Amino acid sequence: AKIPFTGSIVGGLQDGRSVVVTGRVLPGAQRFHVNLQCGSWPGAVIALHCNPRYDSGPSGYVVANAFQGSWGSEERKAPSPFPQGCPFTLMILVTPESYKIATNGNHFMEFRHRVPFNTVDTIVVDGKVEVNSIVFQGPSVSALKLNCLRASLLSLFKPSLSIPSRFFFPSQAAFPVSINSFNHHFSRDESIAAVPYKTIINGGLYSGKTINIQGVVNPTAKRFSVNLQSRAGIVLHYNPRFDENVVVRNSFLGGVWGPEERGGGMPFHRGNAFTITVICNPQGYSVMLNGAQVHSFDHRHHNLQEIDVLEVSGDLSLTSVMA
């Protein structure tokens, strides 16, 4: 991920829209920041400067401020909910009165508007931080704005023209900026936005094949599932269940469900953005969440090339899929 990152917020901010940033604070970091700005030039007005700092000790604190030609009065809160060296999810929700800032699914602080939020059009991330994804959620926007988003992304990421076979921007109210894929040329397919989502895996699976799924869990989610399928049935059924606080893994082969696997805890949270990576290896599947391995599942169907369908369904919204 290239830091500093500057990106356009296509369509701007509106009441009810939220910005979700997932990433990791670098070990030994002194500070990093996320800015919501009115423009991308030096000296631009900053409507929200969210600035975790660790210069007073490892527990740290967060400074919130605004810049309009000069810095305003700082608002501080400690301890920082962004531990050094740890992954995080930051959500900034726009309300008529303020920005509500939540981390890892928990409300952290509120920053009252000093600059009209409808003038904000840019997000900037800088400092000792890695960014995995930036997702905008909120009121639906027109295809025209989505095309503008695509055009702005293409202008940002022009150097390489390698095209992933299955990367898309859904025509719904969520916009991915997949930082890990910045060297790719992005394309959008309006026909595959909806959940349940189903796609062909060109060439099927093989040892070393990876599948990346980015999305946001619905705030009231009960469960969702990721299925890898072949003609024989479902070879991997990956099923986070919030109503049972467990992730079930199973197969459905020959018309029969196999034995459930339920160990390994429940790493997903309602309302949070996520990146799931499924890695096919000789023994089975490794499932990563936001870069950390959370589950594994041994092969029950060994003809990997036959496994050529990915299906995602349930209580979530998708922002990108690469399969």
C-alpha atoms as a PDB file:
ATOM      1  CA  ALA A   1       0.000   0.000   0.000  1.00  0.00           C
ATOM      2  CA  LYS A   2       1.364   3.358  -0.952  1.00  0.00           C
ATOM      3  CA  ILE A   3       1.199   5.824   1.932  1.00  0.00           C
ATOM      4  CA  PRO A   4       0.381   8.705   1.856  1.00  0.00           C
ATOM      5  CA  PHE A   5      -2.853   7.809   0.085  1.00  0.00           C
ATOM      6  CA  THR A   6      -5.173  10.446  -1.392  1.00  0.00           C
ATOM      7  CA  GLY A   7      -8.501   9.455  -2.946  1.00  0.00           C
ATOM      8  CA  SER A   8     -11.676  11.116  -4.188  1.00  0.00           C
ATOM      9  CA  ILE A   9     -14.971  10.622  -2.342  1.00  0.00           C
ATOM     10  CA  VAL A  10     -17.218  10.399  -5.386  1.00  0.00           C
ATOM     11  CA  GLY A  11     -20.580  11.997  -4.669  1.00  0.00           C
ATOM     12  CA  GLY A  12     -19.227  13.631  -1.504  1.00  0.00           C
ATOM     13  CA  LEU A  13     -20.501  13.095   2.014  1.00  0.00           C
ATOM     14  CA  GLN A  14     -24.153  13.043   3.043  1.00  0.00           C
ATOM     15  CA  ASP A  15     -26.047  12.449   6.250  1.00  0.00           C
ATOM     16  CA  GLY A  16     -25.972   8.702   6.891  1.00  0.00           C
ATOM     17  CA  ARG A  17     -22.938   7.992   4.742  1.00  0.00           C
ATOM     18  CA  SER A  18     -19.972   6.309   6.379  1.00  0.00           C
ATOM     19  CA  VAL A  19     -16.307   5.781   5.605  1.00  0.00           C
ATOM     20  CA  VAL A  20     -14.777   2.448   6.674  1.00  0.00           C
ATOM     21  CA  VAL A  21     -10.976   2.097   6.730  1.00  0.00           C
ATOM     22  CA  THR A  22      -9.345  -1.250   7.533  1.00  0.00           C
ATOM     23  CA  GLY A  23      -5.636  -1.597   8.099  1.00  0.00           C
ATOM     24  CA  ARG A  24      -2.852  -2.125  10.622  1.00  0.00           C
ATOM     25  CA  VAL A  25      -0.868   0.271  12.791  1.00  0.00           C
ATOM     26  CA  LEU A  26       2.838  -0.348  12.208  1.00  0.00           C
ATOM     27  CA  PRO A  27       4.872  -1.582  15.195  1.00  0.00           C
ATOM     28  CA  GLY A  28       6.607   1.331  16.920  1.00  0.00           C
ATOM     29  CA  ALA A  29       4.400   3.890  15.160  1.00  0.00           C
ATOM     30  CA  GLN A  30       4.514   7.427  16.564  1.00  0.00           C
ATOM     31  CA  ARG A  31       1.365   8.618  14.813  1.00  0.00           C
ATOM     32  CA  PHE A  32      -0.855   8.314  11.756  1.00  0.00           C
ATOM     33  CA  HIS A  33      -3.928  10.185  10.527  1.00  0.00           C
ATOM     34  CA  VAL A  34      -7.064   9.933   8.436  1.00  0.00           C
ATOM     35  CA  ASN A  35      -8.300  13.246   6.997  1.00  0.00           C
ATOM     36  CA  LEU A  36     -11.630  14.129   5.402  1.00  0.00           C
ATOM     37  CA  GLN A  37     -10.769  17.151   3.256  1.00  0.00           C
ATOM     38  CA  CYS A  38     -12.200  19.729   0.870  1.00  0.00           C
ATOM     39  CA  GLY A  39      -9.693  19.218  -1.944  1.00  0.00           C
ATOM     40  CA  SER A  40      -6.369  17.415  -2.255  1.00  0.00           C
ATOM     41  CA  TRP A  41      -3.908  20.300  -2.505  1.00  0.00           C
ATOM     42  CA  PRO A  42      -1.513  21.393   0.269  1.00  0.00           C
ATOM     43  CA  GLY A  43      -3.337  23.729   2.629  1.00  0.00           C
ATOM     44  CA  ALA A  44      -6.792  22.385   1.731  1.00  0.00           C
ATOM     45  CA  VAL A  45      -9.511  22.689   4.353  1.00  0.00           C
ATOM     46  CA  ILE A  46      -9.621  19.592   6.582  1.00  0.00           C
ATOM     47  CA  ALA A  47     -13.096  18.939   7.974  1.00  0.00           C
ATOM     48  CA  LEU A  48     -11.921  16.041  10.160  1.00  0.00           C
ATOM     49  CA  HIS A  49      -8.358  15.194  11.174  1.00  0.00           C
ATOM     50  CA  CYS A  50      -8.389  11.887  13.098  1.00  0.00           C
ATOM     51  CA  ASN A  51      -4.878  11.456  14.481  1.00  0.00           C
ATOM     52  CA  PRO A  52      -3.832   8.560  16.769  1.00  0.00           C
ATOM     53  CA  ARG A  53      -0.555   9.393  18.549  1.00  0.00           C
ATOM     54  CA  TYR A  54       1.802   7.277  20.656  1.00  0.00           C
ATOM     55  CA  ASP A  55       4.427   9.873  21.672  1.00  0.00           C
ATOM     56  CA  SER A  56       3.316   9.826  25.335  1.00  0.00           C
ATOM     57  CA  GLY A  57       3.442   6.039  25.750  1.00  0.00           C
ATOM     58  CA  PRO A  58       2.315   2.778  24.139  1.00  0.00           C
ATOM     59  CA  SER A  59      -1.363   3.194  25.096  1.00  0.00           C
ATOM     60  CA  GLY A  60      -1.531   6.389  23.029  1.00  0.00           C
ATOM     61  CA  TYR A  61      -4.343   8.878  22.505  1.00  0.00           C
ATOM     62  CA  VAL A  62      -6.368  10.238  19.587  1.00  0.00           C
ATOM     63  CA  VAL A  63      -6.496  13.886  18.506  1.00  0.00           C
ATOM     64  CA  ALA A  64      -9.444  15.161  16.459  1.00  0.00           C
ATOM     65  CA  ASN A  65      -9.266  18.595  14.866  1.00  0.00           C
ATOM     66  CA  ALA A  66     -10.113  20.686  11.795  1.00  0.00           C
ATOM     67  CA  PHE A  67      -7.919  22.928   9.624  1.00  0.00           C
ATOM     68  CA  GLN A  68      -9.206  26.112   7.943  1.00  0.00           C
ATOM     69  CA  GLY A  69      -6.056  28.070   7.191  1.00  0.00           C
ATOM     70  CA  SER A  70      -4.915  27.266  10.723  1.00  0.00           C
ATOM     71  CA  TRP A  71      -5.577  24.459  13.177  1.00  0.00           C
ATOM     72  CA  GLY A  72      -8.524  24.773  15.520  1.00  0.00           C
ATOM     73  CA  SER A  73      -8.732  23.560  19.095  1.00  0.00           C
ATOM     74  CA  GLU A  74      -7.763  19.927  19.613  1.00  0.00           C
ATOM     75  CA  GLU A  75     -10.161  17.377  21.026  1.00  0.00           C
ATOM     76  CA  ARG A  76      -8.311  14.493  22.694  1.00  0.00           C
ATOM     77  CA  LYS A  77      -9.348  11.080  23.965  1.00  0.00           C
ATOM     78  CA  ALA A  78      -7.242   8.356  25.592  1.00  0.00           C
ATOM     79  CA  PRO A  79      -6.329   5.560  25.474  1.00  0.00           C
ATOM     80  CA  SER A  80      -6.057   4.997  21.736  1.00  0.00           C
ATOM     81  CA  PRO A  81      -8.204   2.111  20.431  1.00  0.00           C
ATOM     82  CA  PHE A  82      -5.543   1.538  17.733  1.00  0.00           C
ATOM     83  CA  PRO A  83      -2.765  -0.515  19.440  1.00  0.00           C
ATOM     84  CA  GLN A  84       0.644  -0.403  17.773  1.00  0.00           C
ATOM     85  CA  GLY A  85       1.240  -3.376  15.491  1.00  0.00           C
ATOM     86  CA  CYS A  86      -2.431  -4.397  15.479  1.00  0.00           C
ATOM     87  CA  PRO A  87      -5.132  -4.508  12.783  1.00  0.00           C
ATOM     88  CA  PHE A  88      -8.091  -2.137  13.055  1.00  0.00           C
ATOM     89  CA  THR A  89     -11.374  -1.130  11.476  1.00  0.00           C
ATOM     90  CA  LEU A  90     -12.191   2.592  11.641  1.00  0.00           C
ATOM     91  CA  MET A  91     -15.723   3.711  10.786  1.00  0.00           C
ATOM     92  CA  ILE A  92     -16.640   7.407  10.464  1.00  0.00           C
ATOM     93  CA  LEU A  93     -20.401   7.985  10.286  1.00  0.00           C
ATOM     94  CA  VAL A  94     -21.729  11.341   9.054  1.00  0.00           C
ATOM     95  CA  THR A  95     -24.655  12.759  11.045  1.00  0.00           C
ATOM     96  CA  PRO A  96     -26.197  16.237  10.725  1.00  0.00           C
ATOM     97  CA  GLU A  97     -24.376  17.443  13.865  1.00  0.00           C
ATOM     98  CA  SER A  98     -21.117  15.503  13.907  1.00  0.00           C
ATOM     99  CA  TYR A  99     -18.845  12.703  12.790  1.00  0.00           C
ATOM    100  CA  LYS A 100     -19.310   9.609  14.962  1.00  0.00           C
ATOM    101  CA  ILE A 101     -16.058   7.654  15.121  1.00  0.00           C
ATOM    102  CA  ALA A 102     -16.116   3.919  15.907  1.00  0.00           C
ATOM    103  CA  THR A 103     -13.249   1.443  16.074  1.00  0.00           C
ATOM    104  CA  ASN A 104     -13.569  -2.326  15.744  1.00  0.00           C
ATOM    105  CA  GLY A 105     -17.337  -1.992  16.040  1.00  0.00           C
ATOM    106  CA  ASN A 106     -17.349   0.169  19.208  1.00  0.00           C
ATOM    107  CA  HIS A 107     -18.193   3.883  19.439  1.00  0.00           C
ATOM    108  CA  PHE A 108     -15.082   5.846  20.412  1.00  0.00           C
ATOM    109  CA  MET A 109     -15.660   9.581  20.043  1.00  0.00           C
ATOM    110  CA  GLU A 110     -17.722  12.275  18.369  1.00  0.00           C
ATOM    111  CA  PHE A 111     -16.452  15.370  16.536  1.00  0.00           C
ATOM    112  CA  ARG A 112     -18.934  18.177  15.945  1.00  0.00           C
ATOM    113  CA  HIS A 113     -18.882  19.725  12.481  1.00  0.00           C
ATOM    114  CA  ARG A 114     -16.784  22.864  12.081  1.00  0.00           C
ATOM    115  CA  VAL A 115     -16.835  22.651   8.266  1.00  0.00           C
ATOM    116  CA  PRO A 116     -19.996  21.762   6.264  1.00  0.00           C
ATOM    117  CA  PHE A 117     -19.689  18.033   5.553  1.00  0.00           C
ATOM    118  CA  ASN A 118     -21.215  18.434   2.075  1.00  0.00           C
ATOM    119  CA  THR A 119     -18.037  20.272   0.979  1.00  0.00           C
ATOM    120  CA  VAL A 120     -15.829  17.228   1.698  1.00  0.00           C
ATOM    121  CA  ASP A 121     -14.614  15.372  -1.411  1.00  0.00           C
ATOM    122  CA  THR A 122     -11.241  13.812  -0.494  1.00  0.00           C
ATOM    123  CA  ILE A 123      -9.842  11.248   1.950  1.00  0.00           C
ATOM    124  CA  VAL A 124      -6.161  11.231   2.921  1.00  0.00           C
ATOM    125  CA  VAL A 125      -4.359   8.560   4.972  1.00  0.00           C
ATOM    126  CA  ASP A 126      -0.757   9.137   6.061  1.00  0.00           C
ATOM    127  CA  GLY A 127       1.720   8.078   8.727  1.00  0.00           C
ATOM    128  CA  LYS A 128       2.942   4.780  10.137  1.00  0.00           C
ATOM    129  CA  VAL A 129       0.038   2.650   8.971  1.00  0.00           C
ATOM    130  CA  GLU A 130      -0.861  -0.002   6.397  1.00  0.00           C
ATOM    131  CA  VAL A 131      -4.249   0.258   4.714  1.00  0.00           C
ATOM    132  CA  ASN A 132      -6.106  -2.801   3.410  1.00  0.00           C
ATOM    133  CA  SER A 133      -9.339  -1.216   2.204  1.00  0.00           C
ATOM    134  CA  ILE A 134     -11.364   1.990   2.164  1.00  0.00           C
ATOM    135  CA  VAL A 135     -15.106   1.533   1.687  1.00  0.00           C
ATOM    136  CA  PHE A 136     -17.815   4.193   1.422  1.00  0.00           C
ATOM    137  CA  GLN A 137     -21.287   3.101   2.527  1.00  0.00           C
ATOM    138  CA  GLY A 138     -24.484   5.059   2.338  1.00  0.00           C
ATOM    139  CA  PRO A 139     -27.273   6.323   0.088  1.00  0.00           C
ATOM    140  CA  SER A 140     -27.245   4.786  -3.365  1.00  0.00           C
ATOM    141  CA  VAL A 141     -25.692   6.783  -6.173  1.00  0.00           C
ATOM    142  CA  SER A 142     -26.212   6.812  -9.896  1.00  0.00           C
ATOM    143  CA  ALA A 143     -24.333   4.775 -12.462  1.00  0.00           C
ATOM    144  CA  LEU A 144     -22.935   8.074 -13.725  1.00  0.00           C
ATOM    145  CA  LYS A 145     -21.203   8.658 -10.413  1.00  0.00           C
ATOM    146  CA  LEU A 146     -19.948   5.071 -10.421  1.00  0.00           C
ATOM    147  CA  ASN A 147     -18.481   5.657 -13.862  1.00  0.00           C
ATOM    148  CA  CYS A 148     -16.842   8.811 -12.527  1.00  0.00           C
ATOM    149  CA  LEU A 149     -15.417   6.707  -9.683  1.00  0.00           C
ATOM    150  CA  ARG A 150     -14.056   4.206 -12.167  1.00  0.00           C
ATOM    151  CA  ALA A 151     -12.530   6.978 -14.263  1.00  0.00           C
ATOM    152  CA  SER A 152     -10.902   8.593 -11.231  1.00  0.00           C
ATOM    153  CA  LEU A 153      -9.508   5.239 -10.091  1.00  0.00           C
ATOM    154  CA  LEU A 154      -8.143   4.486 -13.548  1.00  0.00           C
ATOM    155  CA  SER A 155      -6.402   7.861 -13.598  1.00  0.00           C
ATOM    156  CA  LEU A 156      -4.866   7.051 -10.205  1.00  0.00           C
ATOM    157  CA  PHE A 157      -3.747   3.556 -11.123  1.00  0.00           C
ATOM    158  CA  LYS A 158      -2.657   3.930 -14.759  1.00  0.00           C
ATOM    159  CA  PRO A 159       0.849   2.415 -14.610  1.00  0.00           C
ATOM    160  CA  SER A 160      -0.250  -1.216 -15.025  1.00  0.00           C
ATOM    161  CA  LEU A 161      -2.900  -2.617 -17.335  1.00  0.00           C
ATOM    162  CA  SER A 162      -3.072  -6.203 -16.066  1.00  0.00           C
ATOM    163  CA  ILE A 163      -6.758  -7.007 -15.647  1.00  0.00           C
ATOM    164  CA  PRO A 164      -7.916  -9.367 -12.900  1.00  0.00           C
ATOM    165  CA  SER A 165     -10.542 -11.701 -14.342  1.00  0.00           C
ATOM    166  CA  ARG A 166     -13.132 -11.214 -11.590  1.00  0.00           C
ATOM    167  CA  PHE A 167     -12.732  -7.824  -9.948  1.00  0.00           C
ATOM    168  CA  PHE A 168     -15.807  -5.622  -9.809  1.00  0.00           C
ATOM    169  CA  PHE A 169     -17.381  -2.511  -8.410  1.00  0.00           C
ATOM    170  CA  PRO A 170     -20.970  -3.317  -7.450  1.00  0.00           C
ATOM    171  CA  SER A 171     -23.682  -0.946  -8.623  1.00  0.00           C
ATOM    172  CA  GLN A 172     -24.843  -0.506  -5.035  1.00  0.00           C
ATOM    173  CA  ALA A 173     -23.989   1.865  -2.246  1.00  0.00           C
ATOM    174  CA  ALA A 174     -20.498   0.731  -1.371  1.00  0.00           C
ATOM    175  CA  PHE A 175     -17.233   1.663  -3.043  1.00  0.00           C
ATOM    176  CA  PRO A 176     -14.022  -0.337  -2.675  1.00  0.00           C
ATOM    177  CA  VAL A 177     -10.561   1.063  -2.817  1.00  0.00           C
ATOM    178  CA  SER A 178      -8.630  -2.186  -2.543  1.00  0.00           C
ATOM    179  CA  ILE A 179      -5.216  -0.866  -1.612  1.00  0.00           C
ATOM    180  CA  ASN A 180      -3.584  -4.278  -2.066  1.00  0.00           C
ATOM    181  CA  SER A 181      -4.652  -4.228  -5.728  1.00  0.00           C
ATOM    182  CA  PHE A 182      -3.442  -0.739  -6.629  1.00  0.00           C
ATOM    183  CA  ASN A 183      -1.252  -2.008  -9.442  1.00  0.00           C
ATOM    184  CA  HIS A 184      -4.237  -3.474 -11.272  1.00  0.00           C
ATOM    185  CA  HIS A 185      -6.478  -1.903 -13.846  1.00  0.00           C
ATOM    186  CA  PHE A 186     -10.005  -1.891 -12.428  1.00  0.00           C
ATOM    187  CA  SER A 187     -13.159  -2.905 -14.228  1.00  0.00           C
ATOM    188  CA  ARG A 188     -16.783  -2.918 -13.145  1.00  0.00           C
ATOM    189  CA  ASP A 189     -19.544  -5.336 -14.062  1.00  0.00           C
ATOM    190  CA  GLU A 190     -23.008  -4.055 -13.172  1.00  0.00           C
ATOM    191  CA  SER A 191     -24.583  -7.508 -13.527  1.00  0.00           C
ATOM    192  CA  ILE A 192     -22.887  -9.025 -10.462  1.00  0.00           C
ATOM    193  CA  ALA A 193     -23.641  -6.517  -7.724  1.00  0.00           C
ATOM    194  CA  ALA A 194     -26.438  -8.285  -5.895  1.00  0.00           C
ATOM    195  CA  VAL A 195     -26.285 -10.701  -2.971  1.00  0.00           C
ATOM    196  CA  PRO A 196     -26.605 -13.651  -3.399  1.00  0.00           C
ATOM    197  CA  TYR A 197     -23.570 -13.347  -5.661  1.00  0.00           C
ATOM    198  CA  LYS A 198     -22.374 -16.197  -7.888  1.00  0.00           C
ATOM    199  CA  THR A 199     -19.439 -16.387 -10.282  1.00  0.00           C
ATOM    200  CA  ILE A 200     -17.442 -18.913 -12.288  1.00  0.00           C
ATOM    201  CA  ILE A 201     -13.843 -19.507 -11.173  1.00  0.00           C
ATOM    202  CA  ASN A 202     -12.054 -19.667 -14.523  1.00  0.00           C
ATOM    203  CA  GLY A 203      -9.989 -22.861 -14.699  1.00  0.00           C
ATOM    204  CA  GLY A 204     -11.182 -24.101 -11.309  1.00  0.00           C
ATOM    205  CA  LEU A 205      -9.051 -24.380  -8.191  1.00  0.00           C
ATOM    206  CA  TYR A 206      -5.429 -25.498  -7.831  1.00  0.00           C
ATOM    207  CA  SER A 207      -2.915 -25.536  -5.017  1.00  0.00           C
ATOM    208  CA  GLY A 208      -1.863 -21.927  -4.395  1.00  0.00           C
ATOM    209  CA  LYS A 209      -5.076 -20.399  -5.762  1.00  0.00           C
ATOM    210  CA  THR A 210      -6.406 -17.509  -3.658  1.00  0.00           C
ATOM    211  CA  ILE A 211      -9.858 -15.928  -3.564  1.00  0.00           C
ATOM    212  CA  ASN A 212     -10.377 -12.470  -2.049  1.00  0.00           C
ATOM    213  CA  ILE A 213     -13.763 -11.219  -0.848  1.00  0.00           C
ATOM    214  CA  GLN A 214     -14.283  -7.740   0.612  1.00  0.00           C
ATOM    215  CA  GLY A 215     -17.508  -6.568   2.157  1.00  0.00           C
ATOM    216  CA  VAL A 216     -19.317  -5.245   5.191  1.00  0.00           C
ATOM    217  CA  VAL A 217     -21.377  -7.340   7.601  1.00  0.00           C
ATOM    218  CA  ASN A 218     -24.915  -5.993   8.020  1.00  0.00           C
ATOM    219  CA  PRO A 219     -25.433  -4.296  11.417  1.00  0.00           C
ATOM    220  CA  THR A 220     -28.258  -6.735  12.268  1.00  0.00           C
ATOM    221  CA  ALA A 221     -26.718  -9.796  10.584  1.00  0.00           C
ATOM    222  CA  LYS A 222     -27.748 -13.301  11.644  1.00  0.00           C
ATOM    223  CA  ARG A 223     -25.479 -15.233   9.270  1.00  0.00           C
ATOM    224  CA  PHE A 224     -23.828 -15.280   5.858  1.00  0.00           C
ATOM    225  CA  SER A 225     -22.015 -17.922   3.840  1.00  0.00           C
ATOM    226  CA  VAL A 226     -19.221 -18.359   1.323  1.00  0.00           C
ATOM    227  CA  ASN A 227     -19.524 -21.546  -0.758  1.00  0.00           C
ATOM    228  CA  LEU A 228     -17.039 -23.192  -3.108  1.00  0.00           C
ATOM    229  CA  GLN A 229     -18.915 -25.558  -5.413  1.00  0.00           C
ATOM    230  CA  SER A 230     -18.381 -28.242  -8.027  1.00  0.00           C
ATOM    231  CA  ARG A 231     -20.697 -30.598  -9.890  1.00  0.00           C
ATOM    232  CA  ALA A 232     -20.477 -32.858  -6.826  1.00  0.00           C
ATOM    233  CA  GLY A 233     -21.956 -30.184  -4.552  1.00  0.00           C
ATOM    234  CA  ILE A 234     -20.560 -27.714  -2.017  1.00  0.00           C
ATOM    235  CA  VAL A 235     -16.944 -28.585  -1.235  1.00  0.00           C
ATOM    236  CA  LEU A 236     -16.518 -25.758   1.303  1.00  0.00           C
ATOM    237  CA  HIS A 237     -19.424 -24.121   3.132  1.00  0.00           C
ATOM    238  CA  TYR A 238     -18.001 -21.278   5.264  1.00  0.00           C
ATOM    239  CA  ASN A 239     -20.816 -19.943   7.431  1.00  0.00           C
ATOM    240  CA  PRO A 240     -20.366 -17.232  10.110  1.00  0.00           C
ATOM    241  CA  ARG A 241     -23.439 -17.377  12.378  1.00  0.00           C
ATOM    242  CA  PHE A 242     -23.943 -14.346  14.604  1.00  0.00           C
ATOM    243  CA  ASP A 243     -27.065 -15.896  16.135  1.00  0.00           C
ATOM    244  CA  GLU A 244     -24.901 -18.772  17.433  1.00  0.00           C
ATOM    245  CA  ASN A 245     -21.565 -16.873  17.749  1.00  0.00           C
ATOM    246  CA  VAL A 246     -19.728 -19.489  15.691  1.00  0.00           C
ATOM    247  CA  VAL A 247     -18.280 -20.049  12.210  1.00  0.00           C
ATOM    248  CA  VAL A 248     -19.477 -23.387  10.807  1.00  0.00           C
ATOM    249  CA  ARG A 249     -17.450 -25.154   8.103  1.00  0.00           C
ATOM    250  CA  ASN A 250     -18.906 -28.095   6.223  1.00  0.00           C
ATOM    251  CA  SER A 251     -19.419 -29.780   2.849  1.00  0.00           C
ATOM    252  CA  PHE A 252     -22.541 -30.897   0.985  1.00  0.00           C
ATOM    253  CA  LEU A 253     -21.516 -33.738  -1.315  1.00  0.00           C
ATOM    254  CA  GLY A 254     -23.737 -36.364  -2.912  1.00  0.00           C
ATOM    255  CA  GLY A 255     -26.783 -34.658  -1.442  1.00  0.00           C
ATOM    256  CA  VAL A 256     -25.575 -35.101   2.151  1.00  0.00           C
ATOM    257  CA  TRP A 257     -24.119 -32.628   4.661  1.00  0.00           C
ATOM    258  CA  GLY A 258     -20.849 -33.816   6.196  1.00  0.00           C
ATOM    259  CA  PRO A 259     -19.714 -33.381   9.814  1.00  0.00           C
ATOM    260  CA  GLU A 260     -19.674 -29.743  10.935  1.00  0.00           C
ATOM    261  CA  GLU A 261     -16.464 -28.098  12.119  1.00  0.00           C
ATOM    262  CA  ARG A 262     -17.121 -25.348  14.689  1.00  0.00           C
ATOM    263  CA  GLY A 263     -13.791 -24.644  16.420  1.00  0.00           C
ATOM    264  CA  GLY A 264     -11.627 -21.553  16.132  1.00  0.00           C
ATOM    265  CA  GLY A 265     -13.867 -18.843  17.532  1.00  0.00           C
ATOM    266  CA  MET A 266     -15.998 -16.119  15.917  1.00  0.00           C
ATOM    267  CA  PRO A 267     -13.739 -13.368  14.528  1.00  0.00           C
ATOM    268  CA  PHE A 268     -16.464 -11.477  12.593  1.00  0.00           C
ATOM    269  CA  HIS A 269     -18.440  -8.546  14.020  1.00  0.00           C
ATOM    270  CA  ARG A 270     -21.769  -7.074  12.956  1.00  0.00           C
ATOM    271  CA  GLY A 271     -21.367  -3.783  11.071  1.00  0.00           C
ATOM    272  CA  ASN A 272     -17.656  -4.283  10.382  1.00  0.00           C
ATOM    273  CA  ALA A 273     -15.843  -4.269   7.061  1.00  0.00           C
ATOM    274  CA  PHE A 274     -13.809  -7.385   6.287  1.00  0.00           C
ATOM    275  CA  THR A 275     -11.447  -8.980   3.814  1.00  0.00           C
ATOM    276  CA  ILE A 276     -11.726 -12.771   3.563  1.00  0.00           C
ATOM    277  CA  THR A 277      -8.939 -14.597   1.727  1.00  0.00           C
ATOM    278  CA  VAL A 278      -9.444 -18.295   0.954  1.00  0.00           C
ATOM    279  CA  ILE A 279      -6.198 -20.065   0.048  1.00  0.00           C
ATOM    280  CA  CYS A 280      -6.325 -23.503  -1.580  1.00  0.00           C
ATOM    281  CA  ASN A 281      -3.351 -25.651  -0.544  1.00  0.00           C
ATOM    282  CA  PRO A 282      -2.528 -29.379  -0.884  1.00  0.00           C
ATOM    283  CA  GLN A 283      -4.141 -30.278   2.459  1.00  0.00           C
ATOM    284  CA  GLY A 284      -7.230 -28.109   2.247  1.00  0.00           C
ATOM    285  CA  TYR A 285      -8.272 -24.490   2.627  1.00  0.00           C
ATOM    286  CA  SER A 286      -6.841 -21.745   4.824  1.00  0.00           C
ATOM    287  CA  VAL A 287      -9.221 -18.884   5.569  1.00  0.00           C
ATOM    288  CA  MET A 288      -7.696 -15.497   6.426  1.00  0.00           C
ATOM    289  CA  LEU A 289      -9.587 -12.550   7.888  1.00  0.00           C
ATOM    290  CA  ASN A 290      -7.988  -9.113   7.444  1.00  0.00           C
ATOM    291  CA  GLY A 291      -4.617 -10.784   6.887  1.00  0.00           C
ATOM    292  CA  ALA A 292      -4.662 -13.199   9.848  1.00  0.00           C
ATOM    293  CA  GLN A 293      -5.455 -16.918   9.567  1.00  0.00           C
ATOM    294  CA  VAL A 294      -8.671 -17.778  11.420  1.00  0.00           C
ATOM    295  CA  HIS A 295      -9.779 -21.215  10.149  1.00  0.00           C
ATOM    296  CA  SER A 296      -8.707 -24.206   8.064  1.00  0.00           C
ATOM    297  CA  PHE A 297     -10.690 -26.987   6.384  1.00  0.00           C
ATOM    298  CA  ASP A 298      -9.281 -30.243   4.972  1.00  0.00           C
ATOM    299  CA  HIS A 299     -10.197 -31.277   1.437  1.00  0.00           C
ATOM    300  CA  ARG A 300     -13.200 -33.600   1.206  1.00  0.00           C
ATOM    301  CA  HIS A 301     -13.344 -33.355  -2.607  1.00  0.00           C
ATOM    302  CA  HIS A 302      -9.934 -33.781  -4.214  1.00  0.00           C
ATOM    303  CA  ASN A 303     -10.586 -32.989  -7.884  1.00  0.00           C
ATOM    304  CA  LEU A 304      -9.700 -29.318  -7.461  1.00  0.00           C
ATOM    305  CA  GLN A 305     -10.113 -28.374 -11.117  1.00  0.00           C
ATOM    306  CA  GLU A 306     -13.804 -29.309 -10.913  1.00  0.00           C
ATOM    307  CA  ILE A 307     -14.335 -26.708  -8.174  1.00  0.00           C
ATOM    308  CA  ASP A 308     -15.290 -23.760 -10.353  1.00  0.00           C
ATOM    309  CA  VAL A 309     -18.141 -21.830  -8.693  1.00  0.00           C
ATOM    310  CA  LEU A 310     -18.008 -19.246  -5.882  1.00  0.00           C
ATOM    311  CA  GLU A 311     -21.240 -18.206  -4.189  1.00  0.00           C
ATOM    312  CA  VAL A 312     -21.662 -15.574  -1.446  1.00  0.00           C
ATOM    313  CA  SER A 313     -25.015 -15.030   0.251  1.00  0.00           C
ATOM    314  CA  GLY A 314     -26.623 -13.811   3.454  1.00  0.00           C
ATOM    315  CA  ASP A 315     -26.533 -10.721   5.645  1.00  0.00           C
ATOM    316  CA  LEU A 316     -23.715  -8.692   4.090  1.00  0.00           C
ATOM    317  CA  SER A 317     -22.931  -6.232   1.325  1.00  0.00           C
ATOM    318  CA  LEU A 318     -20.090  -6.963  -1.087  1.00  0.00           C
ATOM    319  CA  THR A 319     -17.585  -4.355  -2.152  1.00  0.00           C
ATOM    320  CA  SER A 320     -15.185  -6.467  -4.211  1.00  0.00           C
ATOM    321  CA  VAL A 321     -14.514 -10.056  -5.209  1.00  0.00           C
ATOM    322  CA  MET A 322     -11.437 -11.450  -6.941  1.00  0.00           C
ATOM    323  CA  ALA A 323     -11.708 -15.152  -7.786  1.00  0.00           C
END
